[in-house]
Every structure is written in C-alpha cells, then in structure tokens.
Amino acid sequence: MAFQKYTNIITAKFNRWIALGLIFFFAAMTTVYVYNVVKINALLIEIGSLEQQNNDLRFENEVLNTQLNRLQSPDRIIKIAIEKFKMEKPTEPPKQLP
C-alpha cells in the first residue's frame, strides 16, 4: 500500500512536468508560428512593392525606347541636317573609288 501511494505521488509529479512541458512546447510553437506569419506578411508587402517598381521601370523603359526611336528616325535627322546645318541632299549617287 505504501509503495502504491509513493508511485501515485511520483506519477502525479511526472504528469505535472509533462503537462508543463507540453504547455511550454505549444507556447513556443505558437510564438514561432506568429513570427512566421508576421515575416511572411512583410515579405508579401515587399514583393508587392518590388512588382510595382518593376512595372514602373518597364513603363519608363518603353517611354525611353519610343523617344529613342523618334530621335533616330531618318526623316528627323534629314530635316535637322537641312534646316540647321544647311546641308543639301545629293542629286547624284556617290562615286565609288577603284
């Protein structure tokens, strides 16, 4: 009888430690989960910001390409050469040297 009483006390203390350990374990796991959720939300916000920046840069690149094509057009270059630099269009084709 005394042995069973002693065993019950040890079992009760052991069960308390197991319960306390499980509480700490689940508290730690909950903390890790919440931390991960916060980090993932921050990363999603950063991804959205980077995607917006990427779209802005693509639009700016398209604008610059359009401007480049306009500035490189032969009609524009010929017009500037004639008006600004007083150049003339040749009437005969260029001569080839032997």
N, C-alpha and C. Protein backbone atom coordinates (compact mmCIF):
# COMPACT_ATOMS: atom_id res chain seq x y z
N MET A 1 0.81 -1.18 0.00
CA MET A 1 0.00 0.00 0.00
C MET A 1 0.87 1.26 0.00
N ALA A 2 1.90 1.30 0.77
CA ALA A 2 2.79 2.45 0.84
C ALA A 2 3.52 2.63 -0.50
N PHE A 3 3.84 1.50 -1.12
CA PHE A 3 4.52 1.56 -2.42
C PHE A 3 3.61 2.18 -3.47
N GLN A 4 2.32 1.81 -3.46
CA GLN A 4 1.38 2.35 -4.44
C GLN A 4 1.16 3.85 -4.19
N LYS A 5 1.12 4.27 -2.95
CA LYS A 5 0.95 5.68 -2.63
C LYS A 5 2.17 6.47 -3.12
N TYR A 6 3.36 5.92 -2.90
CA TYR A 6 4.59 6.56 -3.37
C TYR A 6 4.61 6.62 -4.90
N THR A 7 4.17 5.58 -5.56
CA THR A 7 4.12 5.53 -7.02
C THR A 7 3.11 6.55 -7.54
N ASN A 8 1.99 6.69 -6.87
CA ASN A 8 0.99 7.68 -7.30
C ASN A 8 1.54 9.10 -7.19
N ILE A 9 2.32 9.38 -6.14
CA ILE A 9 2.90 10.71 -5.96
C ILE A 9 3.91 10.98 -7.07
N ILE A 10 4.76 10.00 -7.35
CA ILE A 10 5.75 10.17 -8.42
C ILE A 10 5.05 10.34 -9.77
N THR A 11 4.03 9.54 -10.03
CA THR A 11 3.28 9.63 -11.27
C THR A 11 2.60 11.00 -11.39
N ALA A 12 2.04 11.50 -10.31
CA ALA A 12 1.39 12.81 -10.33
C ALA A 12 2.40 13.91 -10.61
N LYS A 13 3.58 13.85 -9.98
CA LYS A 13 4.62 14.85 -10.24
C LYS A 13 5.12 14.74 -11.68
N PHE A 14 5.27 13.51 -12.13
CA PHE A 14 5.73 13.28 -13.50
C PHE A 14 4.70 13.83 -14.50
N ASN A 15 3.42 13.59 -14.23
CA ASN A 15 2.36 14.10 -15.11
C ASN A 15 2.32 15.62 -15.11
N ARG A 16 2.60 16.23 -13.96
CA ARG A 16 2.64 17.70 -13.90
C ARG A 16 3.77 18.23 -14.77
N TRP A 17 4.94 17.61 -14.70
CA TRP A 17 6.07 18.06 -15.52
C TRP A 17 5.79 17.86 -17.01
N ILE A 18 5.15 16.76 -17.33
CA ILE A 18 4.79 16.53 -18.74
C ILE A 18 3.80 17.59 -19.20
N ALA A 19 2.80 17.90 -18.39
CA ALA A 19 1.82 18.92 -18.74
C ALA A 19 2.49 20.28 -18.88
N LEU A 20 3.36 20.62 -17.94
CA LEU A 20 4.08 21.89 -18.00
C LEU A 20 4.97 21.96 -19.25
N GLY A 21 5.65 20.86 -19.54
CA GLY A 21 6.49 20.79 -20.74
C GLY A 21 5.68 20.95 -22.01
N LEU A 22 4.51 20.31 -22.06
CA LEU A 22 3.65 20.45 -23.24
C LEU A 22 3.14 21.88 -23.39
N ILE A 23 2.81 22.51 -22.27
CA ILE A 23 2.36 23.91 -22.32
C ILE A 23 3.47 24.80 -22.88
N PHE A 24 4.68 24.64 -22.38
CA PHE A 24 5.80 25.44 -22.90
C PHE A 24 6.08 25.13 -24.37
N PHE A 25 5.99 23.86 -24.73
CA PHE A 25 6.22 23.47 -26.12
C PHE A 25 5.21 24.14 -27.06
N PHE A 26 3.93 24.04 -26.70
CA PHE A 26 2.91 24.64 -27.55
C PHE A 26 2.98 26.17 -27.54
N ALA A 27 3.38 26.75 -26.44
CA ALA A 27 3.57 28.21 -26.39
C ALA A 27 4.70 28.61 -27.33
N ALA A 28 5.79 27.84 -27.30
CA ALA A 28 6.92 28.13 -28.19
C ALA A 28 6.52 27.95 -29.65
N MET A 29 5.78 26.91 -29.94
CA MET A 29 5.35 26.67 -31.32
C MET A 29 4.39 27.77 -31.79
N THR A 30 3.52 28.24 -30.92
CA THR A 30 2.62 29.32 -31.28
C THR A 30 3.40 30.60 -31.55
N THR A 31 4.42 30.86 -30.73
CA THR A 31 5.26 32.04 -30.93
C THR A 31 5.98 31.96 -32.27
N VAL A 32 6.51 30.80 -32.61
CA VAL A 32 7.20 30.62 -33.89
C VAL A 32 6.21 30.80 -35.05
N TYR A 33 5.01 30.27 -34.90
CA TYR A 33 4.00 30.40 -35.95
C TYR A 33 3.64 31.86 -36.18
N VAL A 34 3.39 32.60 -35.12
CA VAL A 34 3.03 34.02 -35.24
C VAL A 34 4.19 34.80 -35.86
N TYR A 35 5.41 34.50 -35.45
CA TYR A 35 6.59 35.16 -36.02
C TYR A 35 6.66 34.90 -37.53
N ASN A 36 6.41 33.66 -37.93
CA ASN A 36 6.44 33.32 -39.36
C ASN A 36 5.35 34.05 -40.13
N VAL A 37 4.17 34.15 -39.55
CA VAL A 37 3.07 34.86 -40.22
C VAL A 37 3.43 36.33 -40.41
N VAL A 38 4.01 36.94 -39.39
CA VAL A 38 4.40 38.35 -39.49
C VAL A 38 5.48 38.52 -40.57
N LYS A 39 6.46 37.64 -40.58
CA LYS A 39 7.54 37.72 -41.59
C LYS A 39 6.99 37.52 -43.00
N ILE A 40 6.09 36.56 -43.17
CA ILE A 40 5.51 36.29 -44.49
C ILE A 40 4.71 37.50 -44.97
N ASN A 41 3.95 38.12 -44.07
CA ASN A 41 3.20 39.32 -44.45
C ASN A 41 4.15 40.44 -44.87
N ALA A 42 5.25 40.60 -44.15
CA ALA A 42 6.23 41.63 -44.51
C ALA A 42 6.83 41.33 -45.88
N LEU A 43 7.12 40.06 -46.15
CA LEU A 43 7.68 39.69 -47.45
C LEU A 43 6.67 39.91 -48.57
N LEU A 44 5.39 39.63 -48.31
CA LEU A 44 4.37 39.87 -49.33
C LEU A 44 4.24 41.35 -49.65
N ILE A 45 4.34 42.19 -48.63
CA ILE A 45 4.31 43.64 -48.86
C ILE A 45 5.52 44.06 -49.69
N GLU A 46 6.68 43.51 -49.36
CA GLU A 46 7.90 43.84 -50.12
C GLU A 46 7.79 43.36 -51.56
N ILE A 47 7.22 42.18 -51.77
CA ILE A 47 7.04 41.66 -53.14
C ILE A 47 6.12 42.58 -53.92
N GLY A 48 5.03 43.03 -53.30
CA GLY A 48 4.12 43.95 -53.98
C GLY A 48 4.81 45.24 -54.35
N SER A 49 5.62 45.76 -53.46
CA SER A 49 6.37 46.99 -53.73
C SER A 49 7.36 46.79 -54.88
N LEU A 50 8.07 45.66 -54.86
CA LEU A 50 9.04 45.39 -55.93
C LEU A 50 8.34 45.17 -57.27
N GLU A 51 7.17 44.53 -57.27
CA GLU A 51 6.44 44.35 -58.52
C GLU A 51 5.99 45.70 -59.08
N GLN A 52 5.54 46.59 -58.19
CA GLN A 52 5.15 47.93 -58.64
C GLN A 52 6.35 48.68 -59.21
N GLN A 53 7.48 48.57 -58.54
CA GLN A 53 8.70 49.22 -59.02
C GLN A 53 9.11 48.64 -60.37
N ASN A 54 8.98 47.33 -60.53
CA ASN A 54 9.30 46.67 -61.79
C ASN A 54 8.38 47.18 -62.91
N ASN A 55 7.09 47.29 -62.61
CA ASN A 55 6.15 47.80 -63.62
C ASN A 55 6.48 49.24 -63.99
N ASP A 56 6.81 50.06 -63.00
CA ASP A 56 7.18 51.45 -63.28
C ASP A 56 8.42 51.52 -64.18
N LEU A 57 9.42 50.68 -63.89
CA LEU A 57 10.64 50.69 -64.69
C LEU A 57 10.38 50.19 -66.11
N ARG A 58 9.51 49.20 -66.25
CA ARG A 58 9.16 48.71 -67.60
C ARG A 58 8.47 49.82 -68.41
N PHE A 59 7.55 50.54 -67.75
CA PHE A 59 6.87 51.64 -68.44
C PHE A 59 7.87 52.72 -68.84
N GLU A 60 8.76 53.08 -67.93
CA GLU A 60 9.77 54.09 -68.24
C GLU A 60 10.67 53.62 -69.38
N ASN A 61 11.00 52.34 -69.40
CA ASN A 61 11.82 51.78 -70.48
C ASN A 61 11.10 51.88 -71.82
N GLU A 62 9.80 51.60 -71.82
CA GLU A 62 9.03 51.73 -73.06
C GLU A 62 9.01 53.18 -73.54
N VAL A 63 8.83 54.11 -72.61
CA VAL A 63 8.83 55.53 -72.98
C VAL A 63 10.18 55.92 -73.57
N LEU A 64 11.26 55.48 -72.94
CA LEU A 64 12.60 55.82 -73.44
C LEU A 64 12.86 55.18 -74.80
N ASN A 65 12.41 53.95 -75.01
CA ASN A 65 12.58 53.32 -76.32
C ASN A 65 11.80 54.07 -77.40
N THR A 66 10.60 54.51 -77.07
CA THR A 66 9.81 55.29 -78.03
C THR A 66 10.51 56.60 -78.36
N GLN A 67 11.03 57.25 -77.33
CA GLN A 67 11.76 58.51 -77.54
C GLN A 67 13.02 58.26 -78.37
N LEU A 68 13.73 57.17 -78.11
CA LEU A 68 14.93 56.84 -78.88
C LEU A 68 14.60 56.61 -80.34
N ASN A 69 13.53 55.85 -80.59
CA ASN A 69 13.13 55.60 -81.98
C ASN A 69 12.75 56.90 -82.69
N ARG A 70 12.08 57.81 -81.99
CA ARG A 70 11.70 59.09 -82.59
C ARG A 70 12.95 59.91 -82.91
N LEU A 71 13.92 59.92 -81.99
CA LEU A 71 15.13 60.71 -82.20
C LEU A 71 16.03 60.13 -83.29
N GLN A 72 15.97 58.81 -83.50
CA GLN A 72 16.82 58.18 -84.51
C GLN A 72 16.16 58.08 -85.88
N SER A 73 14.96 58.60 -86.02
CA SER A 73 14.28 58.44 -87.31
C SER A 73 15.02 59.22 -88.40
N PRO A 74 15.19 58.61 -89.58
CA PRO A 74 15.92 59.26 -90.68
C PRO A 74 15.26 60.57 -91.12
N ASP A 75 13.94 60.64 -91.12
CA ASP A 75 13.25 61.88 -91.54
C ASP A 75 13.64 63.03 -90.63
N ARG A 76 13.69 62.80 -89.35
CA ARG A 76 14.05 63.85 -88.40
C ARG A 76 15.51 64.29 -88.61
N ILE A 77 16.40 63.32 -88.80
CA ILE A 77 17.82 63.63 -88.98
C ILE A 77 18.03 64.43 -90.26
N ILE A 78 17.35 64.04 -91.33
CA ILE A 78 17.47 64.78 -92.60
C ILE A 78 16.95 66.19 -92.45
N LYS A 79 15.81 66.35 -91.78
CA LYS A 79 15.23 67.68 -91.59
C LYS A 79 16.18 68.58 -90.81
N ILE A 80 16.78 68.06 -89.73
CA ILE A 80 17.72 68.85 -88.94
C ILE A 80 18.96 69.18 -89.76
N ALA A 81 19.46 68.22 -90.54
CA ALA A 81 20.65 68.46 -91.36
C ALA A 81 20.40 69.57 -92.37
N ILE A 82 19.23 69.57 -92.97
CA ILE A 82 18.91 70.60 -93.98
C ILE A 82 18.68 71.96 -93.33
N GLU A 83 17.88 71.99 -92.27
CA GLU A 83 17.49 73.27 -91.68
C GLU A 83 18.60 73.88 -90.82
N LYS A 84 19.19 73.09 -89.98
CA LYS A 84 20.13 73.63 -89.01
C LYS A 84 21.54 73.77 -89.57
N PHE A 85 21.97 72.78 -90.33
CA PHE A 85 23.35 72.77 -90.81
C PHE A 85 23.47 73.14 -92.29
N LYS A 86 22.36 73.50 -92.90
CA LYS A 86 22.33 73.95 -94.29
C LYS A 86 22.94 72.92 -95.25
N MET A 87 22.71 71.68 -94.99
CA MET A 87 23.19 70.62 -95.88
C MET A 87 22.17 70.42 -97.00
N GLU A 88 22.62 69.85 -98.06
CA GLU A 88 21.74 69.60 -99.19
C GLU A 88 21.76 68.11 -99.52
N LYS A 89 20.64 67.66 -100.04
CA LYS A 89 20.58 66.28 -100.49
C LYS A 89 21.35 66.15 -101.79
N PRO A 90 22.16 65.14 -101.94
CA PRO A 90 22.92 64.99 -103.20
C PRO A 90 21.97 64.67 -104.35
N THR A 91 22.28 65.23 -105.52
CA THR A 91 21.46 64.98 -106.69
C THR A 91 21.91 63.74 -107.46
N GLU A 92 23.17 63.40 -107.30
CA GLU A 92 23.69 62.20 -107.98
C GLU A 92 24.24 61.22 -106.95
N PRO A 93 24.27 59.96 -107.30
CA PRO A 93 24.75 58.97 -106.34
C PRO A 93 26.25 59.15 -106.07
N PRO A 94 26.71 58.67 -104.94
CA PRO A 94 28.14 58.80 -104.63
C PRO A 94 29.00 57.99 -105.60
N LYS A 95 30.21 58.51 -105.85
CA LYS A 95 31.12 57.84 -106.77
C LYS A 95 31.94 56.84 -105.99
N GLN A 96 32.18 55.70 -106.62
CA GLN A 96 32.99 54.66 -106.00
C GLN A 96 34.42 54.82 -106.47
N LEU A 97 35.33 54.66 -105.54
CA LEU A 97 36.75 54.69 -105.88
C LEU A 97 37.18 53.29 -106.30
N PRO A 98 38.09 53.22 -107.28
CA PRO A 98 38.52 51.89 -107.74
C PRO A 98 39.29 51.12 -106.72
